[in-house]
Amino acid sequence: MSQRARLASLILLAFLVVPVAAQAVVEPKTETAYPDELVVETEGGSYTLDATGVALREKTMLKVDVYTIVSYLANGTTLEGDLGAAIIVVDTPKRIQMDLRRSFSKDKLTGSFRDVIEKNYEDTSMFAADMDSFDACFSRDAEDGDEIIFDYKPPTGLAIHLNGEIKRVIENFEFVKALWTVWFGEKPANNGMKEKLLAELGS
């Protein structure tokens, strides 16, 4: 399938994502609530995604709020061993949603992803071109209130949403794994955030 056809397919499927339960997972400091379940449509059929956890990214000693974040994974997915490592490599529908709580430059936004990925990989050649494509999705500075969603639906790929608009679809699963290391890798952006994003898996 061509890139344009995949993008058109993802745009259609993007409207077929609905919360299916009244329950919520809540980030306590900001009281930001997210549905604990979502139903998504993929080329392979319908999937229920369960929240694996919710967290808040803070920076500096003043604990400035940067973004709230929720992670979802297809219901029934079996993860063995280290949960962080397992959620990175599992090839099943999954999602990350970030809701920004402050404004900052686009270079700081894309650089924050790239810096963590490079800490987790000695060799990024398997997805170097995809990193450049990813950076190009963010053509303006980040703003307080922006919603960023990384929506992986095999076999179509990773759809990158900004405020409801699909900016790009990346097919390379190696890049998907690299992106998930930002929150679940051996050297994540923040270890406490990683633990909270996995907390629902043990409940």
N, C-alpha and C. Protein backbone atom coordinates (compact mmCIF):
# COMPACT_ATOMS: atom_id res chain seq x y z
N MET A 1 0.84 -1.19 0.00
CA MET A 1 0.00 0.00 0.00
C MET A 1 0.88 1.24 0.00
N SER A 2 0.54 2.23 -0.81
CA SER A 2 1.34 3.45 -0.88
C SER A 2 1.19 4.27 0.38
N GLN A 3 2.16 5.20 0.58
CA GLN A 3 2.11 6.07 1.76
C GLN A 3 0.83 6.88 1.76
N ARG A 4 0.42 7.38 0.59
CA ARG A 4 -0.80 8.19 0.52
C ARG A 4 -2.03 7.36 0.86
N ALA A 5 -2.07 6.11 0.37
CA ALA A 5 -3.21 5.24 0.65
C ALA A 5 -3.27 4.89 2.12
N ARG A 6 -2.10 4.64 2.73
CA ARG A 6 -2.06 4.32 4.16
C ARG A 6 -2.53 5.52 4.98
N LEU A 7 -2.12 6.71 4.58
CA LEU A 7 -2.53 7.91 5.30
C LEU A 7 -4.04 8.08 5.21
N ALA A 8 -4.61 7.87 4.01
CA ALA A 8 -6.05 7.98 3.85
C ALA A 8 -6.78 6.96 4.71
N SER A 9 -6.23 5.74 4.79
CA SER A 9 -6.83 4.70 5.62
C SER A 9 -6.79 5.09 7.09
N LEU A 10 -5.66 5.64 7.52
CA LEU A 10 -5.53 6.03 8.94
C LEU A 10 -6.45 7.19 9.27
N ILE A 11 -6.64 8.12 8.34
CA ILE A 11 -7.56 9.24 8.58
C ILE A 11 -8.97 8.71 8.81
N LEU A 12 -9.37 7.74 7.99
CA LEU A 12 -10.70 7.14 8.18
C LEU A 12 -10.79 6.44 9.51
N LEU A 13 -9.79 5.62 9.83
CA LEU A 13 -9.83 4.86 11.08
C LEU A 13 -9.71 5.75 12.30
N ALA A 14 -9.11 6.92 12.14
CA ALA A 14 -8.94 7.83 13.28
C ALA A 14 -10.27 8.26 13.86
N PHE A 15 -11.31 8.28 13.03
CA PHE A 15 -12.62 8.68 13.52
C PHE A 15 -13.35 7.53 14.21
N LEU A 16 -12.76 6.34 14.15
CA LEU A 16 -13.38 5.16 14.73
C LEU A 16 -12.66 4.75 16.01
N VAL A 17 -12.44 5.71 16.88
CA VAL A 17 -11.83 5.48 18.17
C VAL A 17 -12.75 6.08 19.22
N VAL A 18 -13.31 5.22 20.08
CA VAL A 18 -14.28 5.71 21.05
C VAL A 18 -14.01 5.11 22.41
N PRO A 19 -14.22 5.88 23.48
CA PRO A 19 -14.15 5.28 24.81
C PRO A 19 -15.33 4.34 25.00
N VAL A 20 -15.13 3.21 25.68
CA VAL A 20 -16.20 2.23 25.81
C VAL A 20 -16.64 2.04 27.25
N ALA A 21 -16.08 2.79 28.16
CA ALA A 21 -16.46 2.62 29.57
C ALA A 21 -16.47 3.95 30.27
N ALA A 22 -17.27 4.01 31.34
CA ALA A 22 -17.35 5.25 32.10
C ALA A 22 -16.17 5.40 33.06
N GLN A 23 -15.42 4.33 33.27
CA GLN A 23 -14.29 4.38 34.18
C GLN A 23 -13.17 5.23 33.59
N ALA A 24 -12.27 5.67 34.44
CA ALA A 24 -11.18 6.53 33.97
C ALA A 24 -9.93 6.24 34.78
N VAL A 25 -8.79 6.55 34.16
CA VAL A 25 -7.53 6.60 34.89
C VAL A 25 -7.20 8.08 35.05
N VAL A 26 -6.75 8.45 36.22
CA VAL A 26 -6.60 9.87 36.54
C VAL A 26 -5.19 10.17 37.01
N GLU A 27 -4.60 11.22 36.46
CA GLU A 27 -3.31 11.71 36.94
C GLU A 27 -3.63 12.60 38.14
N PRO A 28 -3.15 12.26 39.34
CA PRO A 28 -3.66 12.90 40.55
C PRO A 28 -3.31 14.37 40.72
N LYS A 29 -2.10 14.79 40.35
CA LYS A 29 -1.72 16.18 40.59
C LYS A 29 -2.55 17.14 39.75
N THR A 30 -2.74 16.82 38.47
CA THR A 30 -3.48 17.71 37.57
C THR A 30 -4.94 17.34 37.46
N GLU A 31 -5.30 16.18 38.02
CA GLU A 31 -6.67 15.64 37.94
C GLU A 31 -7.10 15.43 36.49
N THR A 32 -6.15 15.14 35.62
CA THR A 32 -6.46 14.86 34.22
C THR A 32 -6.95 13.42 34.11
N ALA A 33 -8.13 13.23 33.51
CA ALA A 33 -8.73 11.90 33.40
C ALA A 33 -8.72 11.43 31.95
N TYR A 34 -8.45 10.15 31.79
CA TYR A 34 -8.47 9.50 30.48
C TYR A 34 -9.33 8.25 30.56
N PRO A 35 -10.01 7.88 29.48
CA PRO A 35 -10.78 6.62 29.49
C PRO A 35 -9.86 5.44 29.79
N ASP A 36 -10.37 4.49 30.57
CA ASP A 36 -9.54 3.33 30.85
C ASP A 36 -9.58 2.31 29.70
N GLU A 37 -10.51 2.49 28.76
CA GLU A 37 -10.59 1.63 27.58
C GLU A 37 -10.97 2.45 26.35
N LEU A 38 -10.44 2.03 25.22
CA LEU A 38 -10.80 2.61 23.93
C LEU A 38 -11.03 1.46 22.95
N VAL A 39 -11.91 1.66 21.99
CA VAL A 39 -12.05 0.72 20.88
C VAL A 39 -11.48 1.39 19.64
N VAL A 40 -10.58 0.69 18.96
CA VAL A 40 -9.99 1.22 17.73
C VAL A 40 -10.24 0.25 16.59
N GLU A 41 -10.35 0.79 15.39
CA GLU A 41 -10.51 -0.01 14.19
C GLU A 41 -9.19 -0.04 13.43
N THR A 42 -8.76 -1.23 13.06
CA THR A 42 -7.54 -1.40 12.28
C THR A 42 -7.88 -2.20 11.03
N GLU A 43 -6.88 -2.37 10.16
CA GLU A 43 -7.09 -3.19 8.99
C GLU A 43 -7.40 -4.63 9.37
N GLY A 44 -6.97 -5.04 10.56
CA GLY A 44 -7.21 -6.40 11.01
C GLY A 44 -8.47 -6.58 11.83
N GLY A 45 -9.24 -5.50 12.02
CA GLY A 45 -10.48 -5.59 12.79
C GLY A 45 -10.48 -4.65 13.98
N SER A 46 -11.44 -4.84 14.87
CA SER A 46 -11.60 -3.99 16.05
C SER A 46 -10.77 -4.51 17.21
N TYR A 47 -10.21 -3.58 17.97
CA TYR A 47 -9.45 -3.92 19.16
C TYR A 47 -9.88 -3.01 20.31
N THR A 48 -9.94 -3.59 21.49
CA THR A 48 -10.09 -2.78 22.70
C THR A 48 -8.70 -2.52 23.26
N LEU A 49 -8.40 -1.27 23.51
CA LEU A 49 -7.13 -0.90 24.13
C LEU A 49 -7.38 -0.57 25.60
N ASP A 50 -6.58 -1.15 26.47
CA ASP A 50 -6.67 -0.89 27.90
C ASP A 50 -5.55 0.05 28.33
N ALA A 51 -5.87 0.99 29.21
CA ALA A 51 -4.84 1.89 29.74
C ALA A 51 -3.85 1.09 30.58
N THR A 52 -2.57 1.28 30.33
CA THR A 52 -1.54 0.63 31.14
C THR A 52 -1.06 1.54 32.27
N GLY A 53 -1.38 2.85 32.16
CA GLY A 53 -0.98 3.77 33.21
C GLY A 53 -1.05 5.21 32.74
N VAL A 54 -1.01 6.11 33.69
CA VAL A 54 -1.05 7.55 33.42
C VAL A 54 0.01 8.22 34.28
N ALA A 55 0.58 9.31 33.76
CA ALA A 55 1.68 9.95 34.50
C ALA A 55 1.74 11.43 34.15
N LEU A 56 2.61 12.12 34.87
CA LEU A 56 2.87 13.54 34.64
C LEU A 56 4.36 13.73 34.47
N ARG A 57 4.75 14.40 33.39
CA ARG A 57 6.16 14.75 33.19
C ARG A 57 6.40 16.12 33.81
N GLU A 58 7.37 16.17 34.73
CA GLU A 58 7.74 17.42 35.38
C GLU A 58 9.21 17.70 35.11
N LYS A 59 9.56 18.98 35.15
CA LYS A 59 10.96 19.37 34.92
C LYS A 59 11.38 20.38 35.98
N THR A 60 12.67 20.41 36.23
CA THR A 60 13.35 21.32 37.13
C THR A 60 12.97 21.03 38.59
N MET A 61 13.73 21.63 39.48
CA MET A 61 13.49 21.44 40.91
C MET A 61 12.13 22.01 41.34
N LEU A 62 11.62 22.94 40.54
CA LEU A 62 10.32 23.54 40.85
C LEU A 62 9.16 22.64 40.44
N LYS A 63 9.49 21.49 39.79
CA LYS A 63 8.46 20.54 39.34
C LYS A 63 7.41 21.21 38.45
N VAL A 64 7.89 21.88 37.41
CA VAL A 64 7.01 22.51 36.44
C VAL A 64 6.33 21.42 35.61
N ASP A 65 5.01 21.50 35.48
CA ASP A 65 4.27 20.52 34.69
C ASP A 65 4.60 20.69 33.20
N VAL A 66 4.99 19.61 32.53
CA VAL A 66 5.30 19.65 31.10
C VAL A 66 4.17 19.01 30.29
N TYR A 67 3.81 17.79 30.65
CA TYR A 67 2.68 17.14 29.97
C TYR A 67 2.15 15.99 30.82
N THR A 68 0.86 15.72 30.64
CA THR A 68 0.30 14.47 31.15
C THR A 68 0.35 13.46 30.02
N ILE A 69 0.38 12.18 30.39
CA ILE A 69 0.56 11.13 29.39
C ILE A 69 -0.18 9.88 29.83
N VAL A 70 -0.78 9.19 28.85
CA VAL A 70 -1.43 7.92 29.11
C VAL A 70 -0.97 6.93 28.05
N SER A 71 -0.82 5.68 28.47
CA SER A 71 -0.41 4.60 27.57
C SER A 71 -1.53 3.58 27.46
N TYR A 72 -1.74 3.08 26.23
CA TYR A 72 -2.74 2.04 25.99
C TYR A 72 -2.11 0.87 25.26
N LEU A 73 -2.69 -0.32 25.49
CA LEU A 73 -2.22 -1.54 24.85
C LEU A 73 -3.42 -2.43 24.57
N ALA A 74 -3.37 -3.18 23.46
CA ALA A 74 -4.48 -4.05 23.08
C ALA A 74 -4.83 -5.02 24.21
N ASN A 75 -6.12 -5.10 24.50
CA ASN A 75 -6.62 -6.00 25.53
C ASN A 75 -6.20 -7.44 25.23
N GLY A 76 -5.78 -8.15 26.28
CA GLY A 76 -5.41 -9.54 26.12
C GLY A 76 -3.96 -9.77 25.73
N THR A 77 -3.21 -8.70 25.53
CA THR A 77 -1.80 -8.85 25.17
C THR A 77 -1.02 -9.44 26.34
N THR A 78 -0.24 -10.46 26.06
CA THR A 78 0.59 -11.09 27.09
C THR A 78 1.98 -10.48 27.08
N LEU A 79 2.39 -9.96 28.21
CA LEU A 79 3.73 -9.40 28.37
C LEU A 79 4.49 -10.24 29.37
N GLU A 80 5.64 -10.72 28.97
CA GLU A 80 6.44 -11.57 29.84
C GLU A 80 7.75 -10.89 30.22
N GLY A 81 8.24 -11.23 31.42
CA GLY A 81 9.51 -10.67 31.85
C GLY A 81 9.39 -9.20 32.20
N ASP A 82 10.39 -8.44 31.85
CA ASP A 82 10.42 -7.00 32.11
C ASP A 82 9.30 -6.32 31.33
N LEU A 83 8.36 -5.69 32.03
CA LEU A 83 7.19 -5.12 31.37
C LEU A 83 7.55 -3.98 30.43
N GLY A 84 8.52 -3.16 30.83
CA GLY A 84 8.92 -2.06 29.98
C GLY A 84 9.49 -2.56 28.67
N ALA A 85 10.40 -3.52 28.74
CA ALA A 85 10.99 -4.08 27.53
C ALA A 85 9.94 -4.77 26.68
N ALA A 86 9.00 -5.45 27.33
CA ALA A 86 7.98 -6.20 26.60
C ALA A 86 7.02 -5.28 25.85
N ILE A 87 6.62 -4.17 26.47
CA ILE A 87 5.67 -3.27 25.81
C ILE A 87 6.32 -2.56 24.63
N ILE A 88 7.63 -2.41 24.66
CA ILE A 88 8.35 -1.81 23.53
C ILE A 88 8.28 -2.71 22.31
N VAL A 89 8.54 -3.99 22.48
CA VAL A 89 8.72 -4.89 21.33
C VAL A 89 7.43 -5.55 20.88
N VAL A 90 6.37 -5.52 21.67
CA VAL A 90 5.15 -6.23 21.28
C VAL A 90 4.54 -5.56 20.04
N ASP A 91 4.22 -6.38 19.04
CA ASP A 91 3.71 -5.89 17.76
C ASP A 91 2.20 -6.04 17.72
N THR A 92 1.54 -5.15 18.46
CA THR A 92 0.09 -5.18 18.58
C THR A 92 -0.39 -3.73 18.72
N PRO A 93 -1.66 -3.43 18.47
CA PRO A 93 -2.11 -2.04 18.60
C PRO A 93 -1.76 -1.46 19.97
N LYS A 94 -1.23 -0.25 19.96
CA LYS A 94 -0.89 0.45 21.20
C LYS A 94 -0.88 1.94 20.92
N ARG A 95 -0.95 2.70 21.98
CA ARG A 95 -1.09 4.16 21.82
C ARG A 95 -0.43 4.88 22.99
N ILE A 96 0.12 6.04 22.67
CA ILE A 96 0.59 7.00 23.66
C ILE A 96 -0.11 8.33 23.38
N GLN A 97 -0.67 8.94 24.41
CA GLN A 97 -1.26 10.28 24.26
C GLN A 97 -0.61 11.22 25.25
N MET A 98 -0.13 12.36 24.72
CA MET A 98 0.47 13.41 25.54
C MET A 98 -0.38 14.66 25.45
N ASP A 99 -0.66 15.28 26.56
CA ASP A 99 -1.37 16.56 26.59
C ASP A 99 -0.45 17.59 27.23
N LEU A 100 0.00 18.54 26.41
CA LEU A 100 1.01 19.50 26.88
C LEU A 100 0.39 20.51 27.84
N ARG A 101 1.18 20.87 28.85
CA ARG A 101 0.74 21.81 29.87
C ARG A 101 1.62 23.05 29.93
N ARG A 102 2.51 23.19 28.95
CA ARG A 102 3.30 24.41 28.82
C ARG A 102 3.77 24.51 27.38
N SER A 103 4.22 25.70 26.99
CA SER A 103 4.73 25.93 25.63
C SER A 103 6.25 25.88 25.62
N PHE A 104 6.80 25.40 24.50
CA PHE A 104 8.24 25.39 24.32
C PHE A 104 8.54 25.21 22.84
N SER A 105 9.79 25.37 22.46
CA SER A 105 10.16 25.37 21.05
C SER A 105 10.02 23.98 20.44
N LYS A 106 9.81 23.96 19.12
CA LYS A 106 9.72 22.67 18.42
C LYS A 106 11.04 21.91 18.51
N ASP A 107 12.16 22.64 18.52
CA ASP A 107 13.46 21.98 18.63
C ASP A 107 13.61 21.30 20.00
N LYS A 108 13.08 21.93 21.02
CA LYS A 108 13.14 21.32 22.35
C LYS A 108 12.26 20.08 22.40
N LEU A 109 11.10 20.14 21.73
CA LEU A 109 10.19 19.00 21.71
C LEU A 109 10.83 17.81 20.99
N THR A 110 11.25 18.03 19.75
CA THR A 110 11.83 16.91 18.99
C THR A 110 13.16 16.47 19.58
N GLY A 111 13.92 17.42 20.10
CA GLY A 111 15.20 17.07 20.72
C GLY A 111 15.04 16.20 21.95
N SER A 112 13.94 16.41 22.69
CA SER A 112 13.72 15.61 23.89
C SER A 112 13.47 14.15 23.54
N PHE A 113 12.77 13.90 22.44
CA PHE A 113 12.56 12.53 21.97
C PHE A 113 13.89 11.93 21.50
N ARG A 114 14.57 12.68 20.66
CA ARG A 114 15.80 12.18 20.05
C ARG A 114 16.86 11.88 21.12
N ASP A 115 16.98 12.74 22.10
CA ASP A 115 17.99 12.55 23.14
C ASP A 115 17.79 11.24 23.89
N VAL A 116 16.54 10.93 24.25
CA VAL A 116 16.29 9.71 25.01
C VAL A 116 16.48 8.48 24.12
N ILE A 117 16.02 8.55 22.89
CA ILE A 117 16.20 7.42 21.96
C ILE A 117 17.69 7.12 21.80
N GLU A 118 18.49 8.15 21.63
CA GLU A 118 19.92 7.94 21.42
C GLU A 118 20.61 7.40 22.67
N LYS A 119 20.04 7.63 23.84
CA LYS A 119 20.59 7.03 25.06
C LYS A 119 20.30 5.53 25.12
N ASN A 120 19.24 5.11 24.44
CA ASN A 120 18.84 3.71 24.45
C ASN A 120 19.39 2.91 23.28
N TYR A 121 19.97 3.58 22.29
CA TYR A 121 20.49 2.91 21.10
C TYR A 121 21.91 3.39 20.81
N GLU A 122 22.81 2.45 20.65
CA GLU A 122 24.15 2.80 20.18
C GLU A 122 24.15 3.08 18.68
N ASP A 123 23.26 2.39 17.95
CA ASP A 123 23.18 2.51 16.50
C ASP A 123 21.74 2.81 16.11
N THR A 124 21.49 3.97 15.54
CA THR A 124 20.14 4.37 15.14
C THR A 124 19.93 4.27 13.63
N SER A 125 20.85 3.61 12.94
CA SER A 125 20.79 3.58 11.47
C SER A 125 19.53 2.89 10.95
N MET A 126 18.93 1.96 11.73
CA MET A 126 17.75 1.23 11.26
C MET A 126 16.52 2.13 11.13
N PHE A 127 16.57 3.30 11.76
CA PHE A 127 15.40 4.19 11.70
C PHE A 127 15.81 5.66 11.58
N ALA A 128 17.01 5.93 11.15
CA ALA A 128 17.50 7.32 11.08
C ALA A 128 16.62 8.18 10.18
N ALA A 129 16.22 7.65 9.02
CA ALA A 129 15.37 8.42 8.11
C ALA A 129 14.00 8.68 8.72
N ASP A 130 13.51 7.72 9.49
CA ASP A 130 12.21 7.89 10.15
C ASP A 130 12.28 8.94 11.25
N MET A 131 13.42 9.04 11.91
CA MET A 131 13.60 10.09 12.91
C MET A 131 13.45 11.46 12.26
N ASP A 132 14.03 11.62 11.08
CA ASP A 132 13.92 12.90 10.37
C ASP A 132 12.47 13.16 9.97
N SER A 133 11.77 12.12 9.51
CA SER A 133 10.35 12.26 9.15
C SER A 133 9.53 12.64 10.38
N PHE A 134 9.86 12.03 11.51
CA PHE A 134 9.16 12.33 12.76
C PHE A 134 9.36 13.79 13.14
N ASP A 135 10.59 14.27 13.08
CA ASP A 135 10.87 15.66 13.43
C ASP A 135 10.07 16.62 12.56
N ALA A 136 9.88 16.26 11.28
CA ALA A 136 9.19 17.13 10.34
C ALA A 136 7.70 17.26 10.65
N CYS A 137 7.17 16.36 11.49
CA CYS A 137 5.76 16.45 11.87
C CYS A 137 5.47 17.71 12.69
N PHE A 138 6.51 18.21 13.34
CA PHE A 138 6.32 19.34 14.26
C PHE A 138 6.94 20.58 13.63
N SER A 139 6.13 21.29 12.86
CA SER A 139 6.62 22.43 12.07
C SER A 139 6.51 23.75 12.81
N ARG A 140 5.92 23.74 13.98
CA ARG A 140 5.80 24.96 14.79
C ARG A 140 6.15 24.63 16.23
N ASP A 141 6.30 25.68 17.03
CA ASP A 141 6.59 25.47 18.44
C ASP A 141 5.41 24.81 19.14
N ALA A 142 5.72 24.04 20.17
CA ALA A 142 4.67 23.38 20.96
C ALA A 142 3.96 24.42 21.82
N GLU A 143 2.64 24.21 21.98
CA GLU A 143 1.84 25.15 22.74
C GLU A 143 1.09 24.45 23.87
N ASP A 144 0.91 25.16 24.96
CA ASP A 144 0.10 24.67 26.06
C ASP A 144 -1.27 24.26 25.52
N GLY A 145 -1.68 23.04 25.81
CA GLY A 145 -2.98 22.56 25.32
C GLY A 145 -2.89 21.66 24.10
N ASP A 146 -1.72 21.57 23.47
CA ASP A 146 -1.56 20.67 22.33
C ASP A 146 -1.77 19.22 22.77
N GLU A 147 -2.41 18.46 21.89
CA GLU A 147 -2.59 17.02 22.11
C GLU A 147 -1.79 16.27 21.04
N ILE A 148 -0.90 15.41 21.51
CA ILE A 148 -0.08 14.61 20.60
C ILE A 148 -0.39 13.14 20.87
N ILE A 149 -0.72 12.41 19.80
CA ILE A 149 -1.03 10.99 19.92
C ILE A 149 -0.14 10.20 18.97
N PHE A 150 0.45 9.16 19.51
CA PHE A 150 1.21 8.19 18.71
C PHE A 150 0.40 6.90 18.71
N ASP A 151 -0.16 6.57 17.55
CA ASP A 151 -1.15 5.51 17.43
C ASP A 151 -0.60 4.42 16.51
N TYR A 152 -0.20 3.30 17.11
CA TYR A 152 0.36 2.21 16.31
C TYR A 152 -0.70 1.16 16.04
N LYS A 153 -0.95 0.91 14.73
CA LYS A 153 -1.94 -0.07 14.31
C LYS A 153 -1.33 -0.94 13.21
N PRO A 154 -0.84 -2.13 13.57
CA PRO A 154 -0.33 -3.01 12.52
C PRO A 154 -1.48 -3.53 11.65
N PRO A 155 -1.25 -3.73 10.35
CA PRO A 155 0.03 -3.57 9.64
C PRO A 155 0.22 -2.18 9.04
N THR A 156 -0.67 -1.23 9.35
CA THR A 156 -0.60 0.09 8.70
C THR A 156 0.61 0.89 9.13
N GLY A 157 0.88 0.91 10.43
CA GLY A 157 2.03 1.65 10.92
C GLY A 157 1.66 2.60 12.04
N LEU A 158 2.56 3.53 12.29
CA LEU A 158 2.42 4.50 13.37
C LEU A 158 1.88 5.81 12.82
N ALA A 159 0.69 6.20 13.27
CA ALA A 159 0.12 7.49 12.90
C ALA A 159 0.46 8.51 13.97
N ILE A 160 0.97 9.64 13.54
CA ILE A 160 1.35 10.72 14.46
C ILE A 160 0.30 11.81 14.33
N HIS A 161 -0.45 12.03 15.40
CA HIS A 161 -1.54 13.00 15.41
C HIS A 161 -1.11 14.24 16.19
N LEU A 162 -1.45 15.40 15.68
CA LEU A 162 -1.29 16.66 16.41
C LEU A 162 -2.62 17.38 16.40
N ASN A 163 -3.23 17.49 17.56
CA ASN A 163 -4.53 18.16 17.70
C ASN A 163 -5.56 17.61 16.72
N GLY A 164 -5.61 16.28 16.62
CA GLY A 164 -6.62 15.64 15.79
C GLY A 164 -6.27 15.47 14.33
N GLU A 165 -5.15 16.01 13.90
CA GLU A 165 -4.73 15.91 12.51
C GLU A 165 -3.59 14.90 12.38
N ILE A 166 -3.73 13.94 11.47
CA ILE A 166 -2.64 13.00 11.23
C ILE A 166 -1.57 13.70 10.40
N LYS A 167 -0.40 13.82 10.98
CA LYS A 167 0.68 14.52 10.32
C LYS A 167 1.50 13.59 9.42
N ARG A 168 1.60 12.32 9.83
CA ARG A 168 2.43 11.39 9.07
C ARG A 168 2.15 9.97 9.56
N VAL A 169 2.39 9.01 8.66
CA VAL A 169 2.35 7.59 9.03
C VAL A 169 3.72 6.99 8.77
N ILE A 170 4.30 6.38 9.79
CA ILE A 170 5.62 5.76 9.68
C ILE A 170 5.43 4.25 9.78
N GLU A 171 5.86 3.54 8.75
CA GLU A 171 5.64 2.10 8.67
C GLU A 171 6.69 1.29 9.40
N ASN A 172 7.88 1.81 9.57
CA ASN A 172 9.01 1.05 10.10
C ASN A 172 8.80 0.75 11.59
N PHE A 173 8.62 -0.54 11.91
CA PHE A 173 8.38 -0.93 13.30
C PHE A 173 9.60 -0.69 14.18
N GLU A 174 10.77 -0.66 13.58
CA GLU A 174 11.97 -0.36 14.37
C GLU A 174 11.88 1.03 14.97
N PHE A 175 11.29 1.97 14.23
CA PHE A 175 11.12 3.31 14.78
C PHE A 175 10.07 3.31 15.89
N VAL A 176 9.00 2.54 15.71
CA VAL A 176 7.97 2.45 16.76
C VAL A 176 8.61 1.99 18.07
N LYS A 177 9.41 0.94 17.99
CA LYS A 177 10.10 0.44 19.19
C LYS A 177 10.99 1.53 19.78
N ALA A 178 11.71 2.24 18.92
CA ALA A 178 12.60 3.30 19.41
C ALA A 178 11.82 4.40 20.12
N LEU A 179 10.69 4.79 19.55
CA LEU A 179 9.88 5.85 20.17
C LEU A 179 9.37 5.41 21.54
N TRP A 180 8.95 4.16 21.66
CA TRP A 180 8.43 3.68 22.94
C TRP A 180 9.52 3.62 24.02
N THR A 181 10.81 3.57 23.61
CA THR A 181 11.87 3.60 24.62
C THR A 181 11.92 4.93 25.37
N VAL A 182 11.35 5.98 24.79
CA VAL A 182 11.34 7.27 25.47
C VAL A 182 10.69 7.14 26.85
N TRP A 183 9.67 6.28 26.95
CA TRP A 183 8.95 6.12 28.22
C TRP A 183 9.20 4.77 28.88
N PHE A 184 9.59 3.75 28.09
CA PHE A 184 9.68 2.40 28.64
C PHE A 184 11.05 1.76 28.49
N GLY A 185 12.02 2.47 27.97
CA GLY A 185 13.35 1.91 27.75
C GLY A 185 14.14 1.74 29.03
N GLU A 186 15.32 1.15 28.90
CA GLU A 186 16.21 1.01 30.05
C GLU A 186 16.63 2.36 30.59
N LYS A 187 16.69 3.36 29.69
CA LYS A 187 17.03 4.73 30.08
C LYS A 187 15.91 5.66 29.62
N PRO A 188 14.77 5.61 30.31
CA PRO A 188 13.62 6.42 29.89
C PRO A 188 13.80 7.88 30.24
N ALA A 189 12.87 8.69 29.79
CA ALA A 189 12.90 10.11 30.13
C ALA A 189 12.86 10.31 31.65
N ASN A 190 12.13 9.43 32.33
CA ASN A 190 12.03 9.53 33.79
C ASN A 190 11.59 8.17 34.33
N ASN A 191 12.32 7.63 35.29
CA ASN A 191 12.01 6.30 35.81
C ASN A 191 10.67 6.27 36.56
N GLY A 192 10.37 7.32 37.31
CA GLY A 192 9.10 7.36 38.02
C GLY A 192 7.92 7.37 37.07
N MET A 193 8.07 8.11 35.97
CA MET A 193 7.01 8.15 34.97
C MET A 193 6.83 6.78 34.33
N LYS A 194 7.93 6.09 34.07
CA LYS A 194 7.86 4.74 33.51
C LYS A 194 7.07 3.81 34.43
N GLU A 195 7.35 3.86 35.71
CA GLU A 195 6.64 2.99 36.65
C GLU A 195 5.15 3.29 36.65
N LYS A 196 4.78 4.55 36.60
CA LYS A 196 3.36 4.90 36.61
C LYS A 196 2.67 4.49 35.32
N LEU A 197 3.39 4.54 34.20
CA LEU A 197 2.79 4.16 32.92
C LEU A 197 2.61 2.64 32.79
N LEU A 198 3.21 1.90 33.69
CA LEU A 198 3.04 0.44 33.72
C LEU A 198 2.16 -0.02 34.88
N ALA A 199 1.71 0.91 35.70
CA ALA A 199 1.08 0.57 36.97
C ALA A 199 -0.21 -0.23 36.81
N GLU A 200 -0.99 0.05 35.76
CA GLU A 200 -2.26 -0.63 35.59
C GLU A 200 -2.10 -2.07 35.16
N LEU A 201 -0.92 -2.43 34.65
CA LEU A 201 -0.70 -3.81 34.21
C LEU A 201 -0.67 -4.77 35.38
N GLY A 202 -0.38 -4.25 36.56
CA GLY A 202 -0.33 -5.11 37.73
C GLY A 202 -1.60 -5.09 38.55
N SER A 203 -2.61 -4.34 38.07
CA SER A 203 -3.84 -4.21 38.86
C SER A 203 -4.85 -5.27 38.50
